[in-house]
Amino acid sequence: MFRGKQRFVVGISLVLIALTYLAVSGFEEGKSYYKLASEISAMGESAYGLRLRVAGDVVEGSIQQEEFKTRFQIEQAGTVMPVLYTGKDPLPDTFTNGSKAVVEGEYRRDGVFEAKKVQAKCASKYEAKYDPATLEPKGL
């Protein structure tokens, strides 16, 4: 009887250890650091191998679409970073020259940011215009 309880406790312990390991490793894999383009270049060697998110404006005329890849550049505070998008999802409709974009992926040693995800922020034309005197939306 005592031996059966001992096996049960060991079995439950192994299951709990396995679940804890999966939860921690999944959390670490999903974690990404939000950095500015200028910060990434200043990080040096520590920037490589990390999952990063970088925001910036898409440089006018830099979008080059290939068969399964898209190359473009983002600019933030005077720092221009080349980006290679190799993700599986289609690019958002709002992703155009001059749009604001957030890319997620890894910074390679050749200075190119390899993005697995691209998000484009909505253009300001969709935001309401405010009257500075009343802070009320115009046209209502």
C-alpha atoms as a PDB file:
ATOM      1  CA  MET A   1       0.000   0.000   0.000  1.00  0.00           C
ATOM      2  CA  PHE A   2       2.784   2.436   0.937  1.00  0.00           C
ATOM      3  CA  ARG A   3       4.666   1.573  -2.294  1.00  0.00           C
ATOM      4  CA  GLY A   4       1.636   2.501  -4.435  1.00  0.00           C
ATOM      5  CA  LYS A   5       1.391   5.930  -2.791  1.00  0.00           C
ATOM      6  CA  GLN A   6       5.100   6.473  -3.330  1.00  0.00           C
ATOM      7  CA  ARG A   7       4.755   5.778  -7.086  1.00  0.00           C
ATOM      8  CA  PHE A   8       1.788   8.124  -7.281  1.00  0.00           C
ATOM      9  CA  VAL A   9       3.712  10.960  -5.594  1.00  0.00           C
ATOM     10  CA  VAL A  10       6.725  10.444  -7.887  1.00  0.00           C
ATOM     11  CA  GLY A  11       4.477  10.376 -10.959  1.00  0.00           C
ATOM     12  CA  ILE A  12       2.659  13.569  -9.971  1.00  0.00           C
ATOM     13  CA  SER A  13       5.992  15.243  -9.210  1.00  0.00           C
ATOM     14  CA  LEU A  14       7.348  14.396 -12.671  1.00  0.00           C
ATOM     15  CA  VAL A  15       4.229  15.766 -14.337  1.00  0.00           C
ATOM     16  CA  LEU A  16       4.448  19.010 -12.327  1.00  0.00           C
ATOM     17  CA  ILE A  17       8.144  19.424 -13.180  1.00  0.00           C
ATOM     18  CA  ALA A  18       7.429  18.878 -16.881  1.00  0.00           C
ATOM     19  CA  LEU A  19       4.560  21.402 -16.875  1.00  0.00           C
ATOM     20  CA  THR A  20       6.694  23.979 -15.057  1.00  0.00           C
ATOM     21  CA  TYR A  21       9.511  23.543 -17.586  1.00  0.00           C
ATOM     22  CA  LEU A  22       7.118  23.969 -20.534  1.00  0.00           C
ATOM     23  CA  ALA A  23       5.552  27.086 -19.005  1.00  0.00           C
ATOM     24  CA  VAL A  24       8.917  28.757 -18.329  1.00  0.00           C
ATOM     25  CA  SER A  25      10.414  27.887 -21.725  1.00  0.00           C
ATOM     26  CA  GLY A  26       7.261  29.098 -23.508  1.00  0.00           C
ATOM     27  CA  PHE A  27       7.391  32.396 -21.635  1.00  0.00           C
ATOM     28  CA  GLU A  28      11.061  32.915 -22.516  1.00  0.00           C
ATOM     29  CA  GLU A  29      10.406  32.136 -26.187  1.00  0.00           C
ATOM     30  CA  GLY A  30       7.535  34.606 -26.421  1.00  0.00           C
ATOM     31  CA  LYS A  31       9.419  37.440 -24.744  1.00  0.00           C
ATOM     32  CA  SER A  32      10.761  40.184 -26.999  1.00  0.00           C
ATOM     33  CA  TYR A  33      12.609  43.379 -26.133  1.00  0.00           C
ATOM     34  CA  TYR A  34      11.320  46.693 -27.509  1.00  0.00           C
ATOM     35  CA  LYS A  35      14.228  48.826 -28.684  1.00  0.00           C
ATOM     36  CA  LEU A  36      14.828  51.844 -30.843  1.00  0.00           C
ATOM     37  CA  ALA A  37      16.992  51.470 -33.958  1.00  0.00           C
ATOM     38  CA  SER A  38      19.660  53.705 -32.437  1.00  0.00           C
ATOM     39  CA  GLU A  39      19.715  51.558 -29.268  1.00  0.00           C
ATOM     40  CA  ILE A  40      20.253  48.354 -31.245  1.00  0.00           C
ATOM     41  CA  SER A  41      23.328  49.712 -32.996  1.00  0.00           C
ATOM     42  CA  ALA A  42      24.667  50.882 -29.616  1.00  0.00           C
ATOM     43  CA  MET A  43      24.131  47.426 -28.025  1.00  0.00           C
ATOM     44  CA  GLY A  44      26.980  45.884 -30.025  1.00  0.00           C
ATOM     45  CA  GLU A  45      27.418  42.114 -29.612  1.00  0.00           C
ATOM     46  CA  SER A  46      24.599  41.803 -27.076  1.00  0.00           C
ATOM     47  CA  ALA A  47      22.006  42.641 -29.787  1.00  0.00           C
ATOM     48  CA  TYR A  48      22.580  39.393 -31.666  1.00  0.00           C
ATOM     49  CA  GLY A  49      20.417  36.368 -30.898  1.00  0.00           C
ATOM     50  CA  LEU A  50      17.741  38.318 -29.007  1.00  0.00           C
ATOM     51  CA  ARG A  51      14.124  38.516 -30.067  1.00  0.00           C
ATOM     52  CA  LEU A  52      13.591  42.236 -30.641  1.00  0.00           C
ATOM     53  CA  ARG A  53      10.823  44.659 -31.626  1.00  0.00           C
ATOM     54  CA  VAL A  54      11.790  47.844 -33.445  1.00  0.00           C
ATOM     55  CA  ALA A  55       9.553  50.743 -34.488  1.00  0.00           C
ATOM     56  CA  GLY A  56      10.163  53.335 -37.142  1.00  0.00           C
ATOM     57  CA  ASP A  57       8.930  55.028 -40.289  1.00  0.00           C
ATOM     58  CA  VAL A  58       9.192  53.111 -43.563  1.00  0.00           C
ATOM     59  CA  VAL A  59      11.701  55.004 -45.728  1.00  0.00           C
ATOM     60  CA  GLU A  60      10.156  56.370 -48.947  1.00  0.00           C
ATOM     61  CA  GLY A  61      10.962  54.189 -51.958  1.00  0.00           C
ATOM     62  CA  SER A  62      12.710  51.470 -49.953  1.00  0.00           C
ATOM     63  CA  ILE A  63      10.075  48.712 -50.272  1.00  0.00           C
ATOM     64  CA  GLN A  64      11.265  45.944 -52.611  1.00  0.00           C
ATOM     65  CA  GLN A  65       9.063  42.884 -52.879  1.00  0.00           C
ATOM     66  CA  GLU A  66      10.552  39.600 -54.016  1.00  0.00           C
ATOM     67  CA  GLU A  67       8.885  36.215 -54.355  1.00  0.00           C
ATOM     68  CA  PHE A  68       8.756  35.253 -50.671  1.00  0.00           C
ATOM     69  CA  LYS A  69      10.638  38.173 -49.106  1.00  0.00           C
ATOM     70  CA  THR A  70      10.187  41.890 -48.692  1.00  0.00           C
ATOM     71  CA  ARG A  71      13.088  44.276 -48.157  1.00  0.00           C
ATOM     72  CA  PHE A  72      12.640  47.780 -46.805  1.00  0.00           C
ATOM     73  CA  GLN A  73      14.214  50.271 -44.438  1.00  0.00           C
ATOM     74  CA  ILE A  74      12.881  51.875 -41.311  1.00  0.00           C
ATOM     75  CA  GLU A  75      14.097  55.176 -39.935  1.00  0.00           C
ATOM     76  CA  GLN A  76      13.866  56.423 -36.376  1.00  0.00           C
ATOM     77  CA  ALA A  77      15.584  59.544 -35.022  1.00  0.00           C
ATOM     78  CA  GLY A  78      18.033  59.663 -37.931  1.00  0.00           C
ATOM     79  CA  THR A  79      19.056  55.995 -37.709  1.00  0.00           C
ATOM     80  CA  VAL A  80      18.168  53.913 -40.771  1.00  0.00           C
ATOM     81  CA  MET A  81      17.921  50.128 -40.420  1.00  0.00           C
ATOM     82  CA  PRO A  82      17.549  47.698 -43.326  1.00  0.00           C
ATOM     83  CA  VAL A  83      14.835  45.082 -42.765  1.00  0.00           C
ATOM     84  CA  LEU A  84      14.241  41.739 -44.467  1.00  0.00           C
ATOM     85  CA  TYR A  85      10.743  40.342 -43.872  1.00  0.00           C
ATOM     86  CA  THR A  86      10.608  36.562 -44.226  1.00  0.00           C
ATOM     87  CA  GLY A  87       7.383  35.885 -42.357  1.00  0.00           C
ATOM     88  CA  LYS A  88       4.489  33.778 -43.578  1.00  0.00           C
ATOM     89  CA  ASP A  89       1.700  36.313 -43.008  1.00  0.00           C
ATOM     90  CA  PRO A  90       0.859  38.844 -45.727  1.00  0.00           C
ATOM     91  CA  LEU A  91       1.897  42.424 -45.065  1.00  0.00           C
ATOM     92  CA  PRO A  92      -0.843  44.706 -43.708  1.00  0.00           C
ATOM     93  CA  ASP A  93      -2.748  46.932 -46.152  1.00  0.00           C
ATOM     94  CA  THR A  94      -1.566  50.004 -44.250  1.00  0.00           C
ATOM     95  CA  PHE A  95       2.106  49.089 -44.814  1.00  0.00           C
ATOM     96  CA  THR A  96       3.226  51.697 -47.355  1.00  0.00           C
ATOM     97  CA  ASN A  97       6.063  54.158 -47.909  1.00  0.00           C
ATOM     98  CA  GLY A  98       6.182  56.610 -45.016  1.00  0.00           C
ATOM     99  CA  SER A  99       3.916  54.560 -42.739  1.00  0.00           C
ATOM    100  CA  LYS A 100       4.851  53.772 -39.167  1.00  0.00           C
ATOM    101  CA  ALA A 101       5.788  50.136 -38.678  1.00  0.00           C
ATOM    102  CA  VAL A 102       6.811  47.798 -35.868  1.00  0.00           C
ATOM    103  CA  VAL A 103       8.965  44.816 -36.839  1.00  0.00           C
ATOM    104  CA  GLU A 104       9.679  41.793 -34.678  1.00  0.00           C
ATOM    105  CA  GLY A 105      12.559  39.388 -35.230  1.00  0.00           C
ATOM    106  CA  GLU A 106      16.341  39.209 -34.861  1.00  0.00           C
ATOM    107  CA  TYR A 107      19.208  41.546 -35.660  1.00  0.00           C
ATOM    108  CA  ARG A 108      21.774  39.779 -37.829  1.00  0.00           C
ATOM    109  CA  ARG A 109      25.536  40.271 -37.787  1.00  0.00           C
ATOM    110  CA  ASP A 110      25.447  41.758 -41.311  1.00  0.00           C
ATOM    111  CA  GLY A 111      23.424  44.723 -39.966  1.00  0.00           C
ATOM    112  CA  VAL A 112      20.080  43.579 -41.393  1.00  0.00           C
ATOM    113  CA  PHE A 113      17.062  43.096 -39.147  1.00  0.00           C
ATOM    114  CA  GLU A 114      15.317  39.847 -40.119  1.00  0.00           C
ATOM    115  CA  ALA A 115      11.642  40.323 -39.302  1.00  0.00           C
ATOM    116  CA  LYS A 116       9.184  37.492 -38.756  1.00  0.00           C
ATOM    117  CA  LYS A 117       6.279  39.875 -38.046  1.00  0.00           C
ATOM    118  CA  VAL A 118       5.436  43.317 -39.406  1.00  0.00           C
ATOM    119  CA  GLN A 119       2.728  45.555 -37.976  1.00  0.00           C
ATOM    120  CA  ALA A 120       1.783  48.845 -39.584  1.00  0.00           C
ATOM    121  CA  LYS A 121       0.167  51.581 -37.581  1.00  0.00           C
ATOM    122  CA  CYS A 122      -2.905  53.246 -39.018  1.00  0.00           C
ATOM    123  CA  ALA A 123      -2.321  56.478 -40.849  1.00  0.00           C
ATOM    124  CA  SER A 124      -3.254  59.707 -39.109  1.00  0.00           C
ATOM    125  CA  LYS A 125      -5.948  60.340 -41.731  1.00  0.00           C
ATOM    126  CA  TYR A 126      -8.158  57.955 -39.750  1.00  0.00           C
ATOM    127  CA  GLU A 127      -7.790  59.949 -36.543  1.00  0.00           C
ATOM    128  CA  ALA A 128     -10.264  62.655 -35.632  1.00  0.00           C
ATOM    129  CA  LYS A 129      -9.146  66.282 -36.007  1.00  0.00           C
ATOM    130  CA  TYR A 130      -9.518  68.324 -32.825  1.00  0.00           C
ATOM    131  CA  ASP A 131     -10.323  71.990 -32.364  1.00  0.00           C
ATOM    132  CA  PRO A 132      -7.452  73.345 -30.201  1.00  0.00           C
ATOM    133  CA  ALA A 133      -9.757  75.840 -28.439  1.00  0.00           C
ATOM    134  CA  THR A 134     -12.351  73.329 -27.240  1.00  0.00           C
ATOM    135  CA  LEU A 135     -10.494  70.006 -27.609  1.00  0.00           C
ATOM    136  CA  GLU A 136     -13.669  68.699 -29.248  1.00  0.00           C
ATOM    137  CA  PRO A 137     -13.550  66.706 -32.507  1.00  0.00           C
ATOM    138  CA  LYS A 138     -14.106  68.905 -35.571  1.00  0.00           C
ATOM    139  CA  GLY A 139     -17.021  68.265 -37.891  1.00  0.00           C
ATOM    140  CA  LEU A 140     -19.445  66.834 -35.329  1.00  0.00           C
END
